[in-house]
PDB file of N, CA and C in Angstrom:
ATOM      1  N   UNK A   1     -29.756  30.113  44.986  1.00  0.00           N
ATOM      2  CA  UNK A   1     -30.591  30.563  43.914  1.00  0.00           C
ATOM      3  C   UNK A   1     -31.467  29.410  43.612  1.00  0.00           C
ATOM      4  N   UNK A   2     -32.745  29.653  43.231  1.00  0.00           N
ATOM      5  CA  UNK A   2     -33.540  28.824  42.836  1.00  0.00           C
ATOM      6  C   UNK A   2     -33.391  28.190  41.559  1.00  0.00           C
ATOM      7  N   UNK A   3     -34.026  27.035  41.160  1.00  0.00           N
ATOM      8  CA  UNK A   3     -33.871  26.133  39.990  1.00  0.00           C
ATOM      9  C   UNK A   3     -34.289  26.989  38.820  1.00  0.00           C
ATOM     10  N   UNK A   4     -33.875  27.017  37.752  1.00  0.00           N
ATOM     11  CA  UNK A   4     -34.367  27.833  36.359  1.00  0.00           C
ATOM     12  C   UNK A   4     -34.815  26.635  35.616  1.00  0.00           C
ATOM     13  N   UNK A   5     -36.168  27.304  35.036  1.00  0.00           N
ATOM     14  CA  UNK A   5     -36.983  26.310  34.188  1.00  0.00           C
ATOM     15  C   UNK A   5     -36.389  26.739  32.778  1.00  0.00           C
ATOM     16  N   UNK A   6     -35.235  25.588  32.447  1.00  0.00           N
ATOM     17  CA  UNK A   6     -34.541  26.228  31.112  1.00  0.00           C
ATOM     18  C   UNK A   6     -35.591  25.930  29.802  1.00  0.00           C
ATOM     19  N   UNK A   7     -36.555  24.778  30.059  1.00  0.00           N
ATOM     20  CA  UNK A   7     -37.401  24.693  28.914  1.00  0.00           C
ATOM     21  C   UNK A   7     -38.272  25.638  28.396  1.00  0.00           C
ATOM     22  N   UNK A   8     -38.733  26.597  29.334  1.00  0.00           N
ATOM     23  CA  UNK A   8     -39.695  27.661  29.311  1.00  0.00           C
ATOM     24  C   UNK A   8     -38.962  29.061  28.535  1.00  0.00           C
ATOM     25  N   UNK A   9     -37.681  28.954  28.727  1.00  0.00           N
ATOM     26  CA  UNK A   9     -36.721  30.128  28.340  1.00  0.00           C
ATOM     27  C   UNK A   9     -36.597  30.304  26.839  1.00  0.00           C
ATOM     28  N   UNK A  10     -36.560  31.376  26.323  1.00  0.00           N
ATOM     29  CA  UNK A  10     -36.258  31.722  24.886  1.00  0.00           C
ATOM     30  C   UNK A  10     -34.757  31.958  25.007  1.00  0.00           C
ATOM     31  N   UNK A  11     -33.999  31.126  24.157  1.00  0.00           N
ATOM     32  CA  UNK A  11     -32.535  31.096  24.035  1.00  0.00           C
ATOM     33  C   UNK A  11     -32.257  32.040  22.940  1.00  0.00           C
ATOM     34  N   UNK A  12     -31.121  32.627  22.928  1.00  0.00           N
ATOM     35  CA  UNK A  12     -30.927  33.372  21.581  1.00  0.00           C
ATOM     36  C   UNK A  12     -29.258  33.405  21.706  1.00  0.00           C
ATOM     37  N   UNK A  13     -28.552  33.565  20.564  1.00  0.00           N
ATOM     38  CA  UNK A  13     -27.276  33.746  20.354  1.00  0.00           C
ATOM     39  C   UNK A  13     -26.956  34.752  19.518  1.00  0.00           C
ATOM     40  N   UNK A  14     -25.617  35.347  19.256  1.00  0.00           N
ATOM     41  CA  UNK A  14     -25.281  36.348  18.458  1.00  0.00           C
ATOM     42  C   UNK A  14     -25.743  36.188  17.022  1.00  0.00           C
ATOM     43  N   UNK A  15     -26.008  36.952  16.274  1.00  0.00           N
ATOM     44  CA  UNK A  15     -26.339  36.856  14.877  1.00  0.00           C
ATOM     45  C   UNK A  15     -25.015  36.922  14.007  1.00  0.00           C
ATOM     46  N   UNK A  16     -23.923  37.084  14.441  1.00  0.00           N
ATOM     47  CA  UNK A  16     -22.743  36.760  13.918  1.00  0.00           C
ATOM     48  C   UNK A  16     -22.122  35.500  13.970  1.00  0.00           C
ATOM     49  N   UNK A  17     -22.995  34.399  14.597  1.00  0.00           N
ATOM     50  CA  UNK A  17     -22.239  33.203  14.883  1.00  0.00           C
ATOM     51  C   UNK A  17     -22.918  32.284  13.490  1.00  0.00           C
ATOM     52  N   UNK A  18     -23.917  32.930  13.048  1.00  0.00           N
ATOM     53  CA  UNK A  18     -24.472  32.120  11.851  1.00  0.00           C
ATOM     54  C   UNK A  18     -24.889  30.667  12.211  1.00  0.00           C
ATOM     55  N   UNK A  19     -24.916  29.939  11.116  1.00  0.00           N
ATOM     56  CA  UNK A  19     -25.373  28.577  11.555  1.00  0.00           C
ATOM     57  C   UNK A  19     -24.585  27.835  12.487  1.00  0.00           C
ATOM     58  N   UNK A  20     -23.437  28.167  12.597  1.00  0.00           N
ATOM     59  CA  UNK A  20     -22.520  27.574  13.479  1.00  0.00           C
ATOM     60  C   UNK A  20     -22.705  27.334  14.839  1.00  0.00           C
ATOM     61  N   UNK A  21     -22.539  26.194  15.366  1.00  0.00           N
ATOM     62  CA  UNK A  21     -22.748  25.640  16.959  1.00  0.00           C
ATOM     63  C   UNK A  21     -21.725  26.013  17.820  1.00  0.00           C
ATOM     64  N   UNK A  22     -20.865  26.507  17.566  1.00  0.00           N
ATOM     65  CA  UNK A  22     -19.594  26.963  18.587  1.00  0.00           C
ATOM     66  C   UNK A  22     -19.831  28.267  19.234  1.00  0.00           C
ATOM     67  N   UNK A  23     -20.830  28.132  19.938  1.00  0.00           N
ATOM     68  CA  UNK A  23     -20.872  29.478  20.740  1.00  0.00           C
ATOM     69  C   UNK A  23     -21.590  29.494  21.936  1.00  0.00           C
ATOM     70  N   UNK A  24     -22.159  30.253  22.685  1.00  0.00           N
ATOM     71  CA  UNK A  24     -22.874  30.351  23.648  1.00  0.00           C
ATOM     72  C   UNK A  24     -24.347  31.116  23.413  1.00  0.00           C
ATOM     73  N   UNK A  25     -25.373  30.543  24.140  1.00  0.00           N
ATOM     74  CA  UNK A  25     -26.791  31.051  24.014  1.00  0.00           C
ATOM     75  C   UNK A  25     -27.087  31.601  25.418  1.00  0.00           C
ATOM     76  N   UNK A  26     -27.948  32.674  25.227  1.00  0.00           N
ATOM     77  CA  UNK A  26     -28.208  33.315  26.491  1.00  0.00           C
ATOM     78  C   UNK A  26     -29.623  33.570  26.796  1.00  0.00           C
ATOM     79  N   UNK A  27     -30.380  33.561  27.770  1.00  0.00           N
ATOM     80  CA  UNK A  27     -31.785  33.552  28.002  1.00  0.00           C
ATOM     81  C   UNK A  27     -32.203  34.536  29.413  1.00  0.00           C
ATOM     82  N   UNK A  28     -33.002  35.214  29.312  1.00  0.00           N
ATOM     83  CA  UNK A  28     -33.403  36.059  30.540  1.00  0.00           C
ATOM     84  C   UNK A  28     -34.818  35.667  31.168  1.00  0.00           C
ATOM     85  N   UNK A  29     -34.685  35.795  32.416  1.00  0.00           N
ATOM     86  CA  UNK A  29     -36.179  35.865  33.190  1.00  0.00           C
ATOM     87  C   UNK A  29     -35.863  37.484  33.967  1.00  0.00           C
ATOM     88  N   UNK A  30     -36.993  37.719  34.532  1.00  0.00           N
ATOM     89  CA  UNK A  30     -36.750  38.913  35.361  1.00  0.00           C
ATOM     90  C   UNK A  30     -35.611  38.982  36.374  1.00  0.00           C
ATOM     91  N   UNK A  31     -35.199  37.568  37.056  1.00  0.00           N
ATOM     92  CA  UNK A  31     -34.477  37.496  37.939  1.00  0.00           C
ATOM     93  C   UNK A  31     -32.876  36.871  37.559  1.00  0.00           C
ATOM     94  N   UNK A  32     -33.151  36.126  36.565  1.00  0.00           N
ATOM     95  CA  UNK A  32     -31.550  35.608  36.159  1.00  0.00           C
ATOM     96  C   UNK A  32     -31.332  35.813  34.481  1.00  0.00           C
ATOM     97  N   UNK A  33     -30.011  35.582  34.176  1.00  0.00           N
ATOM     98  CA  UNK A  33     -29.470  35.567  33.113  1.00  0.00           C
ATOM     99  C   UNK A  33     -28.998  34.159  32.901  1.00  0.00           C
ATOM    100  N   UNK A  34     -29.255  33.361  32.085  1.00  0.00           N
ATOM    101  CA  UNK A  34     -28.821  31.985  31.949  1.00  0.00           C
ATOM    102  C   UNK A  34     -27.894  31.865  30.558  1.00  0.00           C
ATOM    103  N   UNK A  35     -26.749  31.055  30.736  1.00  0.00           N
ATOM    104  CA  UNK A  35     -25.939  30.938  29.677  1.00  0.00           C
ATOM    105  C   UNK A  35     -25.668  29.351  29.297  1.00  0.00           C
ATOM    106  N   UNK A  36     -25.607  28.993  27.994  1.00  0.00           N
ATOM    107  CA  UNK A  36     -25.350  27.495  27.944  1.00  0.00           C
ATOM    108  C   UNK A  36     -24.463  27.436  26.691  1.00  0.00           C
ATOM    109  N   UNK A  37     -23.976  26.296  26.425  1.00  0.00           N
ATOM    110  CA  UNK A  37     -23.181  25.948  25.481  1.00  0.00           C
ATOM    111  C   UNK A  37     -24.395  25.630  24.259  1.00  0.00           C
ATOM    112  N   UNK A  38     -24.054  26.338  23.192  1.00  0.00           N
ATOM    113  CA  UNK A  38     -24.935  25.979  22.140  1.00  0.00           C
ATOM    114  C   UNK A  38     -25.069  24.743  21.490  1.00  0.00           C
ATOM    115  N   UNK A  39     -23.999  23.924  21.717  1.00  0.00           N
ATOM    116  CA  UNK A  39     -23.490  22.293  21.121  1.00  0.00           C
ATOM    117  C   UNK A  39     -24.400  21.404  21.866  1.00  0.00           C
ATOM    118  N   UNK A  40     -24.740  21.926  23.290  1.00  0.00           N
ATOM    119  CA  UNK A  40     -25.150  21.106  24.245  1.00  0.00           C
ATOM    120  C   UNK A  40     -26.185  21.770  24.880  1.00  0.00           C
ATOM    121  N   UNK A  41     -27.314  21.712  24.412  1.00  0.00           N
ATOM    122  CA  UNK A  41     -28.455  22.690  24.723  1.00  0.00           C
ATOM    123  C   UNK A  41     -29.063  22.007  26.239  1.00  0.00           C
ATOM    124  N   UNK A  42     -28.840  20.456  26.406  1.00  0.00           N
ATOM    125  CA  UNK A  42     -29.357  19.872  27.527  1.00  0.00           C
ATOM    126  C   UNK A  42     -28.465  19.745  28.532  1.00  0.00           C
ATOM    127  N   UNK A  43     -26.879  20.480  28.354  1.00  0.00           N
ATOM    128  CA  UNK A  43     -25.739  20.399  29.269  1.00  0.00           C
ATOM    129  C   UNK A  43     -26.218  21.268  30.455  1.00  0.00           C
ATOM    130  N   UNK A  44     -25.201  21.573  31.228  1.00  0.00           N
ATOM    131  CA  UNK A  44     -24.959  22.401  32.239  1.00  0.00           C
ATOM    132  C   UNK A  44     -25.364  23.872  31.853  1.00  0.00           C
ATOM    133  N   UNK A  45     -26.087  24.641  32.912  1.00  0.00           N
ATOM    134  CA  UNK A  45     -26.598  26.251  32.346  1.00  0.00           C
ATOM    135  C   UNK A  45     -25.798  26.886  33.749  1.00  0.00           C
ATOM    136  N   UNK A  46     -25.213  27.862  33.211  1.00  0.00           N
ATOM    137  CA  UNK A  46     -24.713  29.014  34.188  1.00  0.00           C
ATOM    138  C   UNK A  46     -26.069  29.888  34.636  1.00  0.00           C
ATOM    139  N   UNK A  47     -26.549  30.531  35.591  1.00  0.00           N
ATOM    140  CA  UNK A  47     -27.477  31.150  35.689  1.00  0.00           C
ATOM    141  C   UNK A  47     -27.039  32.352  36.902  1.00  0.00           C
ATOM    142  N   UNK A  48     -26.984  33.468  36.417  1.00  0.00           N
ATOM    143  CA  UNK A  48     -26.537  34.569  36.911  1.00  0.00           C
ATOM    144  C   UNK A  48     -27.629  35.390  37.318  1.00  0.00           C
ATOM    145  N   UNK A  49     -27.776  36.178  38.656  1.00  0.00           N
ATOM    146  CA  UNK A  49     -28.527  37.315  38.705  1.00  0.00           C
ATOM    147  C   UNK A  49     -28.329  38.264  37.779  1.00  0.00           C
ATOM    148  N   UNK A  50     -29.507  38.900  37.512  1.00  0.00           N
ATOM    149  CA  UNK A  50     -29.283  39.963  36.232  1.00  0.00           C
ATOM    150  C   UNK A  50     -28.307  41.141  36.299  1.00  0.00           C
ATOM    151  N   UNK A  51     -28.279  41.730  37.723  1.00  0.00           N
ATOM    152  CA  UNK A  51     -27.464  42.870  37.705  1.00  0.00           C
ATOM    153  C   UNK A  51     -25.990  42.386  37.733  1.00  0.00           C
ATOM    154  N   UNK A  52     -25.846  41.138  38.382  1.00  0.00           N
ATOM    155  CA  UNK A  52     -24.189  40.600  38.176  1.00  0.00           C
ATOM    156  C   UNK A  52     -23.764  40.449  36.519  1.00  0.00           C
ATOM    157  N   UNK A  53     -24.952  39.976  35.994  1.00  0.00           N
ATOM    158  CA  UNK A  53     -24.476  39.581  34.417  1.00  0.00           C
ATOM    159  C   UNK A  53     -24.228  40.892  33.961  1.00  0.00           C
ATOM    160  N   UNK A  54     -25.174  41.950  34.020  1.00  0.00           N
ATOM    161  CA  UNK A  54     -25.219  42.955  33.498  1.00  0.00           C
ATOM    162  C   UNK A  54     -23.672  43.981  33.723  1.00  0.00           C
ATOM    163  N   UNK A  55     -23.128  43.634  34.872  1.00  0.00           N
ATOM    164  CA  UNK A  55     -22.114  44.358  35.586  1.00  0.00           C
ATOM    165  C   UNK A  55     -20.820  43.630  34.723  1.00  0.00           C
ATOM    166  N   UNK A  56     -20.769  42.398  34.489  1.00  0.00           N
ATOM    167  CA  UNK A  56     -19.929  41.642  33.745  1.00  0.00           C
ATOM    168  C   UNK A  56     -19.703  41.944  32.587  1.00  0.00           C
ATOM    169  N   UNK A  57     -20.713  42.071  31.766  1.00  0.00           N
ATOM    170  CA  UNK A  57     -20.614  42.564  30.419  1.00  0.00           C
ATOM    171  C   UNK A  57     -20.021  44.385  30.267  1.00  0.00           C
ATOM    172  N   UNK A  58     -20.199  44.814  31.201  1.00  0.00           N
ATOM    173  CA  UNK A  58     -19.600  46.001  31.108  1.00  0.00           C
ATOM    174  C   UNK A  58     -18.169  46.144  31.275  1.00  0.00           C
ATOM    175  N   UNK A  59     -17.797  45.025  32.120  1.00  0.00           N
ATOM    176  CA  UNK A  59     -16.508  45.254  32.127  1.00  0.00           C
ATOM    177  C   UNK A  59     -15.640  44.469  30.970  1.00  0.00           C
ATOM    178  N   UNK A  60     -16.271  43.630  30.058  1.00  0.00           N
ATOM    179  CA  UNK A  60     -15.620  43.041  29.200  1.00  0.00           C
ATOM    180  C   UNK A  60     -15.073  44.144  28.129  1.00  0.00           C
TER     181      UNK A  60
END
């Protein structure tokens, strides 16, 4: 998978998380859905092909 330009991505988190930073954030491009720790936005990011991420969410 190609590197993801995290700086240009629009990150979002659940509205239920409030101002708390103990959650994950997600961002999408046409090719990937990226996930990161909201407490460490400059830390590692997991990037999944969009279809794989959608399948994972359906199984949860």
